Amino acid sequence: MPKETSRILLNLTLFFLFLGGVAQGTPNPAAMQGSGCHLFIDYQFLWTLEIVSNPGGGPIPILNIITFDKGEWDFRPVQIHILSNTGTEAKVERFSIDTGVPGEPYIVHYLKVLGNSFIGMDLKGDFEGYDQVKEVSIELGDTRFVLEPIDCLEYENVAQKINLINYESPNIREDYEVLKIEFKGKREARRRFY
């Protein structure tokens, strides 16, 4: 084979390998290294988890749940799984809900999550060393929601879009389309019940 032909074939092979890599997308650095920001978004549920620094204390995970589906679900701290980059799981002990009175949150071990509602809470437990986490999954009903780790700047951009959703809308899909809100995370069958 002439030298020029083999060089052309080599260049074409490298070009198609490059196109294959582009088509598969670039790896998500937050998924590879861990992140302090995680999301699950579809048309029925929206979960956000952001780990914030607490001056003078350990990190605090803040969890928000928005449901666009009908129903009600029992929810306990053991249904939240936060894995560090080394694979250890944090123990979530309680939920802390802001009451509007400074320094007097409502601390509970159990919640009833209702359909078509929103609830936000701080998670209580020992989260020392969990500033950046590899995986967050939440079990609710018969579903396990695996939140997607994303860069916290991107998380802030998505959070701003979420704040613009018209929760009274008869067709939430239109809001997602207009606001360009994309699905994040994945659903799986729940492995265990409590």
C-alpha atoms as a PDB file:
ATOM      1  CA  MET A   1       0.000   0.000   0.000  1.00  0.00           C
ATOM      2  CA  PRO A   2       1.472   3.378  -0.941  1.00  0.00           C
ATOM      3  CA  LYS A   3       2.599   5.550   1.970  1.00  0.00           C
ATOM      4  CA  GLU A   4       0.161   8.362   1.083  1.00  0.00           C
ATOM      5  CA  THR A   5      -2.833   5.958   1.044  1.00  0.00           C
ATOM      6  CA  SER A   6      -1.942   4.492   4.449  1.00  0.00           C
ATOM      7  CA  ARG A   7      -1.654   8.007   5.923  1.00  0.00           C
ATOM      8  CA  ILE A   8      -5.100   8.917   4.531  1.00  0.00           C
ATOM      9  CA  LEU A   9      -6.590   5.717   6.007  1.00  0.00           C
ATOM     10  CA  LEU A  10      -4.953   6.444   9.360  1.00  0.00           C
ATOM     11  CA  ASN A  11      -6.339  10.001   9.360  1.00  0.00           C
ATOM     12  CA  LEU A  12      -9.830   8.754   8.427  1.00  0.00           C
ATOM     13  CA  THR A  13      -9.705   6.132  11.200  1.00  0.00           C
ATOM     14  CA  LEU A  14      -8.664   8.746  13.772  1.00  0.00           C
ATOM     15  CA  PHE A  15     -11.376  11.107  12.512  1.00  0.00           C
ATOM     16  CA  PHE A  16     -14.119   8.463  12.923  1.00  0.00           C
ATOM     17  CA  LEU A  17     -12.802   7.500  16.361  1.00  0.00           C
ATOM     18  CA  PHE A  18     -12.994  11.190  17.310  1.00  0.00           C
ATOM     19  CA  LEU A  19     -16.580  11.410  16.003  1.00  0.00           C
ATOM     20  CA  GLY A  20     -17.511   8.320  18.013  1.00  0.00           C
ATOM     21  CA  GLY A  21     -16.133   9.947  21.175  1.00  0.00           C
ATOM     22  CA  VAL A  22     -18.032  13.167  20.491  1.00  0.00           C
ATOM     23  CA  ALA A  23     -21.280  11.279  19.865  1.00  0.00           C
ATOM     24  CA  GLN A  24     -20.973   9.506  23.198  1.00  0.00           C
ATOM     25  CA  GLY A  25     -20.502  12.853  24.940  1.00  0.00           C
ATOM     26  CA  THR A  26     -17.832  13.974  27.300  1.00  0.00           C
ATOM     27  CA  PRO A  27     -17.742  12.388  30.737  1.00  0.00           C
ATOM     28  CA  ASN A  28     -19.473  14.306  33.508  1.00  0.00           C
ATOM     29  CA  PRO A  29     -16.627  15.513  35.784  1.00  0.00           C
ATOM     30  CA  ALA A  30     -19.055  15.809  38.729  1.00  0.00           C
ATOM     31  CA  ALA A  31     -19.997  12.141  38.310  1.00  0.00           C
ATOM     32  CA  MET A  32     -16.354  11.081  38.187  1.00  0.00           C
ATOM     33  CA  GLN A  33     -15.046  13.166  41.113  1.00  0.00           C
ATOM     34  CA  GLY A  34     -18.140  13.693  43.238  1.00  0.00           C
ATOM     35  CA  SER A  35     -20.130  16.853  43.749  1.00  0.00           C
ATOM     36  CA  GLY A  36     -21.923  18.855  46.401  1.00  0.00           C
ATOM     37  CA  CYS A  37     -24.935  19.212  44.060  1.00  0.00           C
ATOM     38  CA  HIS A  38     -27.262  16.455  42.840  1.00  0.00           C
ATOM     39  CA  LEU A  39     -30.560  16.442  40.901  1.00  0.00           C
ATOM     40  CA  PHE A  40     -33.363  14.163  39.811  1.00  0.00           C
ATOM     41  CA  ILE A  41     -35.890  15.640  37.387  1.00  0.00           C
ATOM     42  CA  ASP A  42     -38.776  14.099  35.480  1.00  0.00           C
ATOM     43  CA  TYR A  43     -42.435  15.035  34.996  1.00  0.00           C
ATOM     44  CA  GLN A  44     -43.596  13.428  38.267  1.00  0.00           C
ATOM     45  CA  PHE A  45     -40.797  14.170  40.748  1.00  0.00           C
ATOM     46  CA  LEU A  46     -38.101  16.734  41.221  1.00  0.00           C
ATOM     47  CA  TRP A  47     -35.399  16.155  43.891  1.00  0.00           C
ATOM     48  CA  THR A  48     -32.514  18.497  44.642  1.00  0.00           C
ATOM     49  CA  LEU A  49     -29.718  17.922  47.123  1.00  0.00           C
ATOM     50  CA  GLU A  50     -27.123  20.611  47.792  1.00  0.00           C
ATOM     51  CA  ILE A  51     -24.400  20.245  50.407  1.00  0.00           C
ATOM     52  CA  VAL A  52     -23.561  23.605  51.947  1.00  0.00           C
ATOM     53  CA  SER A  53     -20.761  24.603  54.293  1.00  0.00           C
ATOM     54  CA  ASN A  54     -21.672  25.289  57.905  1.00  0.00           C
ATOM     55  CA  PRO A  55     -19.257  27.747  59.543  1.00  0.00           C
ATOM     56  CA  GLY A  56     -18.037  26.116  62.747  1.00  0.00           C
ATOM     57  CA  GLY A  57     -19.632  22.762  61.901  1.00  0.00           C
ATOM     58  CA  GLY A  58     -19.729  20.019  59.313  1.00  0.00           C
ATOM     59  CA  PRO A  59     -21.436  20.211  55.931  1.00  0.00           C
ATOM     60  CA  ILE A  60     -25.243  20.313  55.779  1.00  0.00           C
ATOM     61  CA  PRO A  61     -27.160  18.531  53.006  1.00  0.00           C
ATOM     62  CA  ILE A  62     -30.298  20.455  51.986  1.00  0.00           C
ATOM     63  CA  LEU A  63     -32.960  18.305  50.333  1.00  0.00           C
ATOM     64  CA  ASN A  64     -35.939  19.603  48.365  1.00  0.00           C
ATOM     65  CA  ILE A  65     -38.790  17.462  47.067  1.00  0.00           C
ATOM     66  CA  ILE A  66     -41.351  18.616  44.524  1.00  0.00           C
ATOM     67  CA  THR A  67     -44.088  16.202  43.486  1.00  0.00           C
ATOM     68  CA  PHE A  68     -46.308  16.691  40.442  1.00  0.00           C
ATOM     69  CA  ASP A  69     -47.934  13.267  40.876  1.00  0.00           C
ATOM     70  CA  LYS A  70     -50.953  12.294  42.974  1.00  0.00           C
ATOM     71  CA  GLY A  71     -50.420  10.138  46.036  1.00  0.00           C
ATOM     72  CA  GLU A  72     -48.788  10.057  49.436  1.00  0.00           C
ATOM     73  CA  TRP A  73     -45.656   8.278  50.579  1.00  0.00           C
ATOM     74  CA  ASP A  74     -44.031   7.482  53.920  1.00  0.00           C
ATOM     75  CA  PHE A  75     -40.525   8.942  54.115  1.00  0.00           C
ATOM     76  CA  ARG A  76     -37.826   8.255  56.701  1.00  0.00           C
ATOM     77  CA  PRO A  77     -34.133   9.251  56.938  1.00  0.00           C
ATOM     78  CA  VAL A  78     -32.975   5.654  56.252  1.00  0.00           C
ATOM     79  CA  GLN A  79     -34.433   5.977  52.750  1.00  0.00           C
ATOM     80  CA  ILE A  80     -31.743   8.534  51.827  1.00  0.00           C
ATOM     81  CA  HIS A  81     -28.379   7.114  50.765  1.00  0.00           C
ATOM     82  CA  ILE A  82     -25.414   9.480  50.461  1.00  0.00           C
ATOM     83  CA  LEU A  83     -22.160   7.815  49.397  1.00  0.00           C
ATOM     84  CA  SER A  84     -18.774   9.486  49.763  1.00  0.00           C
ATOM     85  CA  ASN A  85     -16.079   9.270  47.103  1.00  0.00           C
ATOM     86  CA  THR A  86     -14.551   6.393  49.118  1.00  0.00           C
ATOM     87  CA  GLY A  87     -17.841   4.451  49.104  1.00  0.00           C
ATOM     88  CA  THR A  88     -18.860   4.963  52.744  1.00  0.00           C
ATOM     89  CA  GLU A  89     -22.483   5.846  53.432  1.00  0.00           C
ATOM     90  CA  ALA A  90     -23.495   8.756  55.631  1.00  0.00           C
ATOM     91  CA  LYS A  91     -26.117   8.049  58.278  1.00  0.00           C
ATOM     92  CA  VAL A  92     -29.035  10.421  57.885  1.00  0.00           C
ATOM     93  CA  GLU A  93     -30.684  10.607  61.313  1.00  0.00           C
ATOM     94  CA  ARG A  94     -33.429  13.244  61.161  1.00  0.00           C
ATOM     95  CA  PHE A  95     -35.122  15.902  59.065  1.00  0.00           C
ATOM     96  CA  SER A  96     -34.935  19.558  60.114  1.00  0.00           C
ATOM     97  CA  ILE A  97     -37.656  21.791  58.676  1.00  0.00           C
ATOM     98  CA  ASP A  98     -37.499  25.576  58.932  1.00  0.00           C
ATOM     99  CA  THR A  99     -40.436  26.938  60.949  1.00  0.00           C
ATOM    100  CA  GLY A 100     -39.720  30.592  60.240  1.00  0.00           C
ATOM    101  CA  VAL A 101     -38.549  31.115  63.823  1.00  0.00           C
ATOM    102  CA  PRO A 102     -34.744  31.503  63.932  1.00  0.00           C
ATOM    103  CA  GLY A 103     -33.055  28.695  65.864  1.00  0.00           C
ATOM    104  CA  GLU A 104     -36.268  26.703  66.303  1.00  0.00           C
ATOM    105  CA  PRO A 105     -36.560  24.188  63.449  1.00  0.00           C
ATOM    106  CA  TYR A 106     -39.074  21.362  63.454  1.00  0.00           C
ATOM    107  CA  ILE A 107     -37.042  18.122  63.904  1.00  0.00           C
ATOM    108  CA  VAL A 108     -38.697  14.859  62.809  1.00  0.00           C
ATOM    109  CA  HIS A 109     -37.836  11.204  62.126  1.00  0.00           C
ATOM    110  CA  TYR A 110     -40.719  10.694  59.709  1.00  0.00           C
ATOM    111  CA  LEU A 111     -42.569  12.640  57.021  1.00  0.00           C
ATOM    112  CA  LYS A 112     -45.614  12.042  54.883  1.00  0.00           C
ATOM    113  CA  VAL A 113     -44.767  13.242  51.357  1.00  0.00           C
ATOM    114  CA  LEU A 114     -47.929  14.356  49.595  1.00  0.00           C
ATOM    115  CA  GLY A 115     -48.596  14.552  45.877  1.00  0.00           C
ATOM    116  CA  ASN A 116     -48.631  17.929  44.161  1.00  0.00           C
ATOM    117  CA  SER A 117     -46.580  19.549  46.919  1.00  0.00           C
ATOM    118  CA  PHE A 118     -43.177  20.922  47.872  1.00  0.00           C
ATOM    119  CA  ILE A 119     -41.082  20.391  50.977  1.00  0.00           C
ATOM    120  CA  GLY A 120     -37.543  21.481  51.819  1.00  0.00           C
ATOM    121  CA  MET A 121     -35.404  20.334  54.727  1.00  0.00           C
ATOM    122  CA  ASP A 122     -31.913  20.110  56.161  1.00  0.00           C
ATOM    123  CA  LEU A 123     -30.669  16.591  56.796  1.00  0.00           C
ATOM    124  CA  LYS A 124     -29.295  15.907  60.272  1.00  0.00           C
ATOM    125  CA  GLY A 125     -26.502  13.424  60.965  1.00  0.00           C
ATOM    126  CA  ASP A 126     -22.710  13.245  60.839  1.00  0.00           C
ATOM    127  CA  PHE A 127     -21.684  14.545  57.422  1.00  0.00           C
ATOM    128  CA  GLU A 128     -18.044  15.337  58.216  1.00  0.00           C
ATOM    129  CA  GLY A 129     -16.062  14.547  55.048  1.00  0.00           C
ATOM    130  CA  TYR A 130     -19.172  14.588  52.837  1.00  0.00           C
ATOM    131  CA  ASP A 131     -18.621  17.974  51.153  1.00  0.00           C
ATOM    132  CA  GLN A 132     -18.365  16.236  47.780  1.00  0.00           C
ATOM    133  CA  VAL A 133     -20.241  12.963  47.359  1.00  0.00           C
ATOM    134  CA  LYS A 134     -20.219  10.324  44.677  1.00  0.00           C
ATOM    135  CA  GLU A 135     -23.824   9.168  44.774  1.00  0.00           C
ATOM    136  CA  VAL A 136     -27.169  10.182  46.228  1.00  0.00           C
ATOM    137  CA  SER A 137     -30.181   7.898  45.975  1.00  0.00           C
ATOM    138  CA  ILE A 138     -33.592   8.169  47.594  1.00  0.00           C
ATOM    139  CA  GLU A 139     -36.184   5.436  48.041  1.00  0.00           C
ATOM    140  CA  LEU A 140     -39.818   6.478  47.972  1.00  0.00           C
ATOM    141  CA  GLY A 141     -42.751   4.116  47.487  1.00  0.00           C
ATOM    142  CA  ASP A 142     -41.593   1.353  45.167  1.00  0.00           C
ATOM    143  CA  THR A 143     -39.051   3.567  43.373  1.00  0.00           C
ATOM    144  CA  ARG A 144     -35.380   4.304  43.908  1.00  0.00           C
ATOM    145  CA  PHE A 145     -34.406   7.731  42.565  1.00  0.00           C
ATOM    146  CA  VAL A 146     -30.718   8.090  41.676  1.00  0.00           C
ATOM    147  CA  LEU A 147     -29.818  11.764  41.606  1.00  0.00           C
ATOM    148  CA  GLU A 148     -27.318  12.964  39.031  1.00  0.00           C
ATOM    149  CA  PRO A 149     -24.197  14.713  40.336  1.00  0.00           C
ATOM    150  CA  ILE A 150     -23.653  17.996  38.513  1.00  0.00           C
ATOM    151  CA  ASP A 151     -21.381  21.006  38.756  1.00  0.00           C
ATOM    152  CA  CYS A 152     -22.769  23.399  41.379  1.00  0.00           C
ATOM    153  CA  LEU A 153     -22.757  26.348  38.948  1.00  0.00           C
ATOM    154  CA  GLU A 154     -24.969  24.331  36.593  1.00  0.00           C
ATOM    155  CA  TYR A 155     -27.082  23.356  39.620  1.00  0.00           C
ATOM    156  CA  GLU A 156     -27.704  27.047  40.388  1.00  0.00           C
ATOM    157  CA  ASN A 157     -28.788  27.644  36.778  1.00  0.00           C
ATOM    158  CA  VAL A 158     -31.227  24.711  36.906  1.00  0.00           C
ATOM    159  CA  ALA A 159     -32.518  25.844  40.336  1.00  0.00           C
ATOM    160  CA  GLN A 160     -33.332  29.268  38.863  1.00  0.00           C
ATOM    161  CA  LYS A 161     -35.362  27.576  36.108  1.00  0.00           C
ATOM    162  CA  ILE A 162     -37.150  25.379  38.674  1.00  0.00           C
ATOM    163  CA  ASN A 163     -38.159  28.529  40.591  1.00  0.00           C
ATOM    164  CA  LEU A 164     -39.908  29.783  37.432  1.00  0.00           C
ATOM    165  CA  ILE A 165     -42.167  26.723  37.049  1.00  0.00           C
ATOM    166  CA  ASN A 166     -45.884  27.481  37.317  1.00  0.00           C
ATOM    167  CA  TYR A 167     -46.887  24.787  39.813  1.00  0.00           C
ATOM    168  CA  GLU A 168     -50.575  25.466  39.131  1.00  0.00           C
ATOM    169  CA  SER A 169     -50.133  24.692  35.433  1.00  0.00           C
ATOM    170  CA  PRO A 170     -52.424  21.968  34.088  1.00  0.00           C
ATOM    171  CA  ASN A 171     -49.560  20.826  31.815  1.00  0.00           C
ATOM    172  CA  ILE A 172     -46.186  20.905  33.552  1.00  0.00           C
ATOM    173  CA  ARG A 173     -44.537  19.561  30.385  1.00  0.00           C
ATOM    174  CA  GLU A 174     -45.085  22.923  28.704  1.00  0.00           C
ATOM    175  CA  ASP A 175     -43.200  24.688  31.500  1.00  0.00           C
ATOM    176  CA  TYR A 176     -40.307  22.226  31.153  1.00  0.00           C
ATOM    177  CA  GLU A 177     -40.234  22.834  27.410  1.00  0.00           C
ATOM    178  CA  VAL A 178     -40.404  26.635  27.645  1.00  0.00           C
ATOM    179  CA  LEU A 179     -37.807  26.778  30.462  1.00  0.00           C
ATOM    180  CA  LYS A 180     -35.629  24.137  28.757  1.00  0.00           C
ATOM    181  CA  ILE A 181     -35.559  21.919  31.855  1.00  0.00           C
ATOM    182  CA  GLU A 182     -34.008  18.560  31.016  1.00  0.00           C
ATOM    183  CA  PHE A 183     -34.499  15.255  32.815  1.00  0.00           C
ATOM    184  CA  LYS A 184     -31.698  14.338  35.233  1.00  0.00           C
ATOM    185  CA  GLY A 185     -30.936  11.162  37.165  1.00  0.00           C
ATOM    186  CA  LYS A 186     -32.670   7.813  36.805  1.00  0.00           C
ATOM    187  CA  ARG A 187     -35.432   5.691  38.321  1.00  0.00           C
ATOM    188  CA  GLU A 188     -34.998   2.100  39.434  1.00  0.00           C
ATOM    189  CA  ALA A 189     -37.122  -0.439  41.281  1.00  0.00           C
ATOM    190  CA  ARG A 190     -36.720  -0.021  45.022  1.00  0.00           C
ATOM    191  CA  ARG A 191     -34.534  -2.704  46.582  1.00  0.00           C
ATOM    192  CA  ARG A 192     -35.726  -2.620  50.187  1.00  0.00           C
ATOM    193  CA  PHE A 193     -38.606  -1.424  52.285  1.00  0.00           C
ATOM    194  CA  TYR A 194     -38.580  -0.122  55.868  1.00  0.00           C
END
